Amino acid sequence: DLGTTYSAVSILSETGQPIILENQDGDK
């Protein structure tokens, strides 16, 4: 999600559920 003010990255886990990945600062 390349946002105007904030962005985020997600993947689909092995269980088939999407999870938000933490960035280098430990934030989502």
PDB file of all heavy atoms in Angstrom:
ATOM      1  N   ASP A   1       0.881  -1.173   0.000  1.00  0.00           N
ATOM      2  CA  ASP A   1       0.000   0.000   0.000  1.00  0.00           C
ATOM      3  C   ASP A   1       0.914   1.217   0.000  1.00  0.00           C
ATOM      4  O   ASP A   1       1.468   1.589   1.036  1.00  0.00           O
ATOM      5  CB  ASP A   1      -0.891  -0.017   1.244  1.00  0.00           C
ATOM      6  CG  ASP A   1      -1.703   1.276   1.400  1.00  0.00           C
ATOM      7  OD1 ASP A   1      -1.739   2.083   0.448  1.00  0.00           O
ATOM      8  OD2 ASP A   1      -2.290   1.476   2.483  1.00  0.00           O
ATOM      9  N   LEU A   2       1.100   1.808  -1.171  1.00  0.00           N
ATOM     10  CA  LEU A   2       1.954   2.990  -1.300  1.00  0.00           C
ATOM     11  C   LEU A   2       1.075   4.213  -1.072  1.00  0.00           C
ATOM     12  O   LEU A   2       0.471   4.752  -1.996  1.00  0.00           O
ATOM     13  CB  LEU A   2       2.603   3.020  -2.688  1.00  0.00           C
ATOM     14  CG  LEU A   2       3.563   4.186  -2.981  1.00  0.00           C
ATOM     15  CD1 LEU A   2       4.747   4.175  -2.025  1.00  0.00           C
ATOM     16  CD2 LEU A   2       4.029   4.148  -4.425  1.00  0.00           C
ATOM     17  N   GLY A   3       1.005   4.649   0.167  1.00  0.00           N
ATOM     18  CA  GLY A   3       0.070   5.693   0.544  1.00  0.00           C
ATOM     19  C   GLY A   3       0.636   7.094   0.412  1.00  0.00           C
ATOM     20  O   GLY A   3       1.854   7.278   0.344  1.00  0.00           O
ATOM     21  N   THR A   4      -0.243   8.082   0.418  1.00  0.00           N
ATOM     22  CA  THR A   4       0.185   9.475   0.347  1.00  0.00           C
ATOM     23  C   THR A   4       0.919   9.876   1.620  1.00  0.00           C
ATOM     24  O   THR A   4       1.932  10.572   1.559  1.00  0.00           O
ATOM     25  CB  THR A   4      -1.027  10.401   0.155  1.00  0.00           C
ATOM     26  OG1 THR A   4      -1.784   9.948  -0.962  1.00  0.00           O
ATOM     27  CG2 THR A   4      -0.584  11.834  -0.087  1.00  0.00           C
ATOM     28  N   THR A   5       0.418   9.447   2.757  1.00  0.00           N
ATOM     29  CA  THR A   5       1.024   9.819   4.036  1.00  0.00           C
ATOM     30  C   THR A   5       1.711   8.644   4.723  1.00  0.00           C
ATOM     31  O   THR A   5       2.745   8.825   5.360  1.00  0.00           O
ATOM     32  CB  THR A   5      -0.031  10.405   4.988  1.00  0.00           C
ATOM     33  OG1 THR A   5      -1.149   9.514   5.065  1.00  0.00           O
ATOM     34  CG2 THR A   5      -0.515  11.760   4.483  1.00  0.00           C
ATOM     35  N   TYR A   6       1.131   7.444   4.615  1.00  0.00           N
ATOM     36  CA  TYR A   6       1.727   6.251   5.220  1.00  0.00           C
ATOM     37  C   TYR A   6       1.647   5.081   4.238  1.00  0.00           C
ATOM     38  O   TYR A   6       0.700   4.975   3.453  1.00  0.00           O
ATOM     39  CB  TYR A   6       0.997   5.866   6.513  1.00  0.00           C
ATOM     40  CG  TYR A   6       1.245   6.817   7.660  1.00  0.00           C
ATOM     41  CD1 TYR A   6       0.415   7.913   7.874  1.00  0.00           C
ATOM     42  CD2 TYR A   6       2.328   6.641   8.522  1.00  0.00           C
ATOM     43  CE1 TYR A   6       0.647   8.808   8.905  1.00  0.00           C
ATOM     44  CE2 TYR A   6       2.571   7.526   9.558  1.00  0.00           C
ATOM     45  CZ  TYR A   6       1.726   8.603   9.753  1.00  0.00           C
ATOM     46  OH  TYR A   6       1.974   9.496  10.773  1.00  0.00           O
ATOM     47  N   SER A   7       2.647   4.201   4.321  1.00  0.00           N
ATOM     48  CA  SER A   7       2.687   3.007   3.482  1.00  0.00           C
ATOM     49  C   SER A   7       2.825   1.777   4.356  1.00  0.00           C
ATOM     50  O   SER A   7       3.244   1.854   5.517  1.00  0.00           O
ATOM     51  CB  SER A   7       3.872   3.081   2.503  1.00  0.00           C
ATOM     52  OG  SER A   7       3.721   4.155   1.600  1.00  0.00           O
ATOM     53  N   ALA A   8       2.477   0.624   3.782  1.00  0.00           N
ATOM     54  CA  ALA A   8       2.556  -0.633   4.524  1.00  0.00           C
ATOM     55  C   ALA A   8       2.802  -1.780   3.558  1.00  0.00           C
ATOM     56  O   ALA A   8       2.490  -1.704   2.369  1.00  0.00           O
ATOM     57  CB  ALA A   8       1.269  -0.871   5.316  1.00  0.00           C
ATOM     58  N   VAL A   9       3.375  -2.868   4.108  1.00  0.00           N
ATOM     59  CA  VAL A   9       3.678  -4.061   3.320  1.00  0.00           C
ATOM     60  C   VAL A   9       3.056  -5.269   4.002  1.00  0.00           C
ATOM     61  O   VAL A   9       3.087  -5.396   5.230  1.00  0.00           O
ATOM     62  CB  VAL A   9       5.203  -4.275   3.200  1.00  0.00           C
ATOM     63  CG1 VAL A   9       5.507  -5.518   2.377  1.00  0.00           C
ATOM     64  CG2 VAL A   9       5.864  -3.062   2.588  1.00  0.00           C
ATOM     65  N   SER A  10       2.488  -6.168   3.199  1.00  0.00           N
ATOM     66  CA  SER A  10       1.836  -7.352   3.748  1.00  0.00           C
ATOM     67  C   SER A  10       2.177  -8.573   2.899  1.00  0.00           C
ATOM     68  O   SER A  10       2.517  -8.456   1.723  1.00  0.00           O
ATOM     69  CB  SER A  10       0.317  -7.148   3.784  1.00  0.00           C
ATOM     70  OG  SER A  10      -0.350  -8.250   4.355  1.00  0.00           O
ATOM     71  N   ILE A  11       2.083  -9.751   3.512  1.00  0.00           N
ATOM     72  CA  ILE A  11       2.235 -11.016   2.800  1.00  0.00           C
ATOM     73  C   ILE A  11       1.118 -11.954   3.236  1.00  0.00           C
ATOM     74  O   ILE A  11       0.456 -11.729   4.257  1.00  0.00           O
ATOM     75  CB  ILE A  11       3.588 -11.704   3.086  1.00  0.00           C
ATOM     76  CG1 ILE A  11       3.711 -12.018   4.591  1.00  0.00           C
ATOM     77  CG2 ILE A  11       4.739 -10.876   2.591  1.00  0.00           C
ATOM     78  CD1 ILE A  11       4.773 -13.025   4.926  1.00  0.00           C
ATOM     79  N   LEU A  12       0.929 -12.991   2.479  1.00  0.00           N
ATOM     80  CA  LEU A  12       0.010 -14.055   2.863  1.00  0.00           C
ATOM     81  C   LEU A  12       0.819 -15.116   3.593  1.00  0.00           C
ATOM     82  O   LEU A  12       1.809 -15.628   3.059  1.00  0.00           O
ATOM     83  CB  LEU A  12      -0.663 -14.643   1.616  1.00  0.00           C
ATOM     84  CG  LEU A  12      -2.123 -15.072   1.768  1.00  0.00           C
ATOM     85  CD1 LEU A  12      -2.985 -13.882   2.156  1.00  0.00           C
ATOM     86  CD2 LEU A  12      -2.638 -15.673   0.483  1.00  0.00           C
ATOM     87  N   SER A  13       0.409 -15.444   4.804  1.00  0.00           N
ATOM     88  CA  SER A  13       1.160 -16.402   5.612  1.00  0.00           C
ATOM     89  C   SER A  13       0.910 -17.827   5.149  1.00  0.00           C
ATOM     90  O   SER A  13       0.070 -18.081   4.282  1.00  0.00           O
ATOM     91  CB  SER A  13       0.762 -16.267   7.083  1.00  0.00           C
ATOM     92  OG  SER A  13      -0.582 -16.707   7.259  1.00  0.00           O
ATOM     93  N   GLU A  14       1.633 -18.768   5.759  1.00  0.00           N
ATOM     94  CA  GLU A  14       1.474 -20.178   5.416  1.00  0.00           C
ATOM     95  C   GLU A  14       0.079 -20.699   5.706  1.00  0.00           C
ATOM     96  O   GLU A  14      -0.369 -21.684   5.125  1.00  0.00           O
ATOM     97  CB  GLU A  14       2.515 -21.028   6.173  1.00  0.00           C
ATOM     98  CG  GLU A  14       3.910 -20.991   5.590  1.00  0.00           C
ATOM     99  CD  GLU A  14       4.658 -19.706   5.930  1.00  0.00           C
ATOM    100  OE1 GLU A  14       4.114 -18.874   6.697  1.00  0.00           O
ATOM    101  OE2 GLU A  14       5.783 -19.518   5.433  1.00  0.00           O
ATOM    102  N   THR A  15      -0.634 -20.010   6.606  1.00  0.00           N
ATOM    103  CA  THR A  15      -2.001 -20.424   6.937  1.00  0.00           C
ATOM    104  C   THR A  15      -3.029 -19.788   6.004  1.00  0.00           C
ATOM    105  O   THR A  15      -4.222 -20.047   6.139  1.00  0.00           O
ATOM    106  CB  THR A  15      -2.330 -20.044   8.390  1.00  0.00           C
ATOM    107  OG1 THR A  15      -2.267 -18.617   8.536  1.00  0.00           O
ATOM    108  CG2 THR A  15      -1.355 -20.708   9.362  1.00  0.00           C
ATOM    109  N   GLY A  16      -2.549 -18.958   5.084  1.00  0.00           N
ATOM    110  CA  GLY A  16      -3.468 -18.314   4.147  1.00  0.00           C
ATOM    111  C   GLY A  16      -4.045 -17.015   4.652  1.00  0.00           C
ATOM    112  O   GLY A  16      -4.949 -16.462   4.027  1.00  0.00           O
ATOM    113  N   GLN A  17      -3.514 -16.490   5.770  1.00  0.00           N
ATOM    114  CA  GLN A  17      -3.995 -15.222   6.315  1.00  0.00           C
ATOM    115  C   GLN A  17      -2.984 -14.113   6.042  1.00  0.00           C
ATOM    116  O   GLN A  17      -1.778 -14.310   6.201  1.00  0.00           O
ATOM    117  CB  GLN A  17      -4.230 -15.340   7.824  1.00  0.00           C
ATOM    118  CG  GLN A  17      -5.349 -16.294   8.199  1.00  0.00           C
ATOM    119  CD  GLN A  17      -6.680 -15.875   7.613  1.00  0.00           C
ATOM    120  OE1 GLN A  17      -7.077 -14.711   7.702  1.00  0.00           O
ATOM    121  NE2 GLN A  17      -7.388 -16.819   7.005  1.00  0.00           N
ATOM    122  N   PRO A  18      -3.450 -12.941   5.608  1.00  0.00           N
ATOM    123  CA  PRO A  18      -2.514 -11.837   5.380  1.00  0.00           C
ATOM    124  C   PRO A  18      -1.997 -11.256   6.686  1.00  0.00           C
ATOM    125  O   PRO A  18      -2.749 -11.134   7.664  1.00  0.00           O
ATOM    126  CB  PRO A  18      -3.356 -10.815   4.613  1.00  0.00           C
ATOM    127  CG  PRO A  18      -4.766 -11.129   4.966  1.00  0.00           C
ATOM    128  CD  PRO A  18      -4.833 -12.593   5.248  1.00  0.00           C
ATOM    129  N   ILE A  19      -0.722 -10.915   6.709  1.00  0.00           N
ATOM    130  CA  ILE A  19      -0.126 -10.282   7.889  1.00  0.00           C
ATOM    131  C   ILE A  19       0.695  -9.072   7.439  1.00  0.00           C
ATOM    132  O   ILE A  19       1.337  -9.094   6.395  1.00  0.00           O
ATOM    133  CB  ILE A  19       0.762 -11.251   8.693  1.00  0.00           C
ATOM    134  CG1 ILE A  19       1.864 -11.858   7.804  1.00  0.00           C
ATOM    135  CG2 ILE A  19      -0.060 -12.355   9.327  1.00  0.00           C
ATOM    136  CD1 ILE A  19       2.876 -12.683   8.574  1.00  0.00           C
ATOM    137  N   ILE A  20       0.643  -8.023   8.236  1.00  0.00           N
ATOM    138  CA  ILE A  20       1.429  -6.818   7.968  1.00  0.00           C
ATOM    139  C   ILE A  20       2.850  -7.032   8.486  1.00  0.00           C
ATOM    140  O   ILE A  20       3.052  -7.470   9.620  1.00  0.00           O
ATOM    141  CB  ILE A  20       0.814  -5.588   8.654  1.00  0.00           C
ATOM    142  CG1 ILE A  20      -0.615  -5.351   8.162  1.00  0.00           C
ATOM    143  CG2 ILE A  20       1.673  -4.351   8.402  1.00  0.00           C
ATOM    144  CD1 ILE A  20      -0.725  -4.867   6.750  1.00  0.00           C
ATOM    145  N   LEU A  21       3.832  -6.737   7.663  1.00  0.00           N
ATOM    146  CA  LEU A  21       5.229  -6.877   8.062  1.00  0.00           C
ATOM    147  C   LEU A  21       5.708  -5.614   8.767  1.00  0.00           C
ATOM    148  O   LEU A  21       5.386  -4.495   8.346  1.00  0.00           O
ATOM    149  CB  LEU A  21       6.106  -7.137   6.841  1.00  0.00           C
ATOM    150  CG  LEU A  21       5.824  -8.414   6.042  1.00  0.00           C
ATOM    151  CD1 LEU A  21       6.759  -8.488   4.836  1.00  0.00           C
ATOM    152  CD2 LEU A  21       5.960  -9.651   6.905  1.00  0.00           C
ATOM    153  N   GLU A  22       6.474  -5.788   9.809  1.00  0.00           N
ATOM    154  CA  GLU A  22       7.060  -4.638  10.493  1.00  0.00           C
ATOM    155  C   GLU A  22       8.244  -4.105   9.694  1.00  0.00           C
ATOM    156  O   GLU A  22       8.976  -4.866   9.054  1.00  0.00           O
ATOM    157  CB  GLU A  22       7.504  -5.021  11.904  1.00  0.00           C
ATOM    158  CG  GLU A  22       6.345  -5.333  12.844  1.00  0.00           C
ATOM    159  CD  GLU A  22       6.813  -5.580  14.269  1.00  0.00           C
ATOM    160  OE1 GLU A  22       8.040  -5.695  14.491  1.00  0.00           O
ATOM    161  OE2 GLU A  22       5.944  -5.656  15.166  1.00  0.00           O
ATOM    162  N   ASN A  23       8.417  -2.790   9.719  1.00  0.00           N
ATOM    163  CA  ASN A  23       9.548  -2.181   9.019  1.00  0.00           C
ATOM    164  C   ASN A  23      10.800  -2.209   9.882  1.00  0.00           C
ATOM    165  O   ASN A  23      10.818  -2.804  10.963  1.00  0.00           O
ATOM    166  CB  ASN A  23       9.192  -0.762   8.564  1.00  0.00           C
ATOM    167  CG  ASN A  23       8.881   0.167   9.745  1.00  0.00           C
ATOM    168  OD1 ASN A  23       9.248  -0.093  10.890  1.00  0.00           O
ATOM    169  ND2 ASN A  23       8.201   1.263   9.460  1.00  0.00           N
ATOM    170  N   GLN A  24      11.850  -1.542   9.423  1.00  0.00           N
ATOM    171  CA  GLN A  24      13.130  -1.549  10.133  1.00  0.00           C
ATOM    172  C   GLN A  24      13.038  -0.890  11.507  1.00  0.00           C
ATOM    173  O   GLN A  24      13.889  -1.142  12.373  1.00  0.00           O
ATOM    174  CB  GLN A  24      14.196  -0.841   9.285  1.00  0.00           C
ATOM    175  CG  GLN A  24      14.553  -1.555   7.990  1.00  0.00           C
ATOM    176  CD  GLN A  24      13.704  -1.135   6.805  1.00  0.00           C
ATOM    177  OE1 GLN A  24      12.515  -0.835   6.950  1.00  0.00           O
ATOM    178  NE2 GLN A  24      14.302  -1.088   5.625  1.00  0.00           N
ATOM    179  N   ASP A  25      12.003  -0.065  11.719  1.00  0.00           N
ATOM    180  CA  ASP A  25      11.827   0.604  13.017  1.00  0.00           C
ATOM    181  C   ASP A  25      10.896  -0.165  13.942  1.00  0.00           C
ATOM    182  O   ASP A  25      10.577   0.305  15.039  1.00  0.00           O
ATOM    183  CB  ASP A  25      11.272   2.014  12.796  1.00  0.00           C
ATOM    184  CG  ASP A  25      12.194   2.872  11.945  1.00  0.00           C
ATOM    185  OD1 ASP A  25      13.398   2.895  12.232  1.00  0.00           O
ATOM    186  OD2 ASP A  25      11.699   3.503  10.986  1.00  0.00           O
ATOM    187  N   GLY A  26      10.433  -1.336  13.485  1.00  0.00           N
ATOM    188  CA  GLY A  26       9.532  -2.135  14.300  1.00  0.00           C
ATOM    189  C   GLY A  26       8.084  -1.695  14.219  1.00  0.00           C
ATOM    190  O   GLY A  26       7.258  -2.117  15.037  1.00  0.00           O
ATOM    191  N   ASP A  27       7.749  -0.855  13.223  1.00  0.00           N
ATOM    192  CA  ASP A  27       6.386  -0.356  13.060  1.00  0.00           C
ATOM    193  C   ASP A  27       5.719  -0.997  11.845  1.00  0.00           C
ATOM    194  O   ASP A  27       6.391  -1.384  10.882  1.00  0.00           O
ATOM    195  CB  ASP A  27       6.396   1.168  12.877  1.00  0.00           C
ATOM    196  CG  ASP A  27       6.989   1.886  14.078  1.00  0.00           C
ATOM    197  OD1 ASP A  27       6.720   1.453  15.213  1.00  0.00           O
ATOM    198  OD2 ASP A  27       7.722   2.876  13.860  1.00  0.00           O
ATOM    199  N   LYS A  28       4.401  -1.056  11.868  1.00  0.00           N
ATOM    200  CA  LYS A  28       3.660  -1.617  10.742  1.00  0.00           C
ATOM    201  C   LYS A  28       3.410  -0.581   9.645  1.00  0.00           C
ATOM    202  O   LYS A  28       3.218  -0.946   8.484  1.00  0.00           O
ATOM    203  CB  LYS A  28       2.329  -2.202  11.223  1.00  0.00           C
ATOM    204  CG  LYS A  28       2.490  -3.453  12.077  1.00  0.00           C
ATOM    205  CD  LYS A  28       1.137  -4.042  12.451  1.00  0.00           C
ATOM    206  CE  LYS A  28       1.306  -5.334  13.233  1.00  0.00           C
ATOM    207  NZ  LYS A  28      -0.003  -5.932  13.585  1.00  0.00           N
TER     208      LYS A  28
END
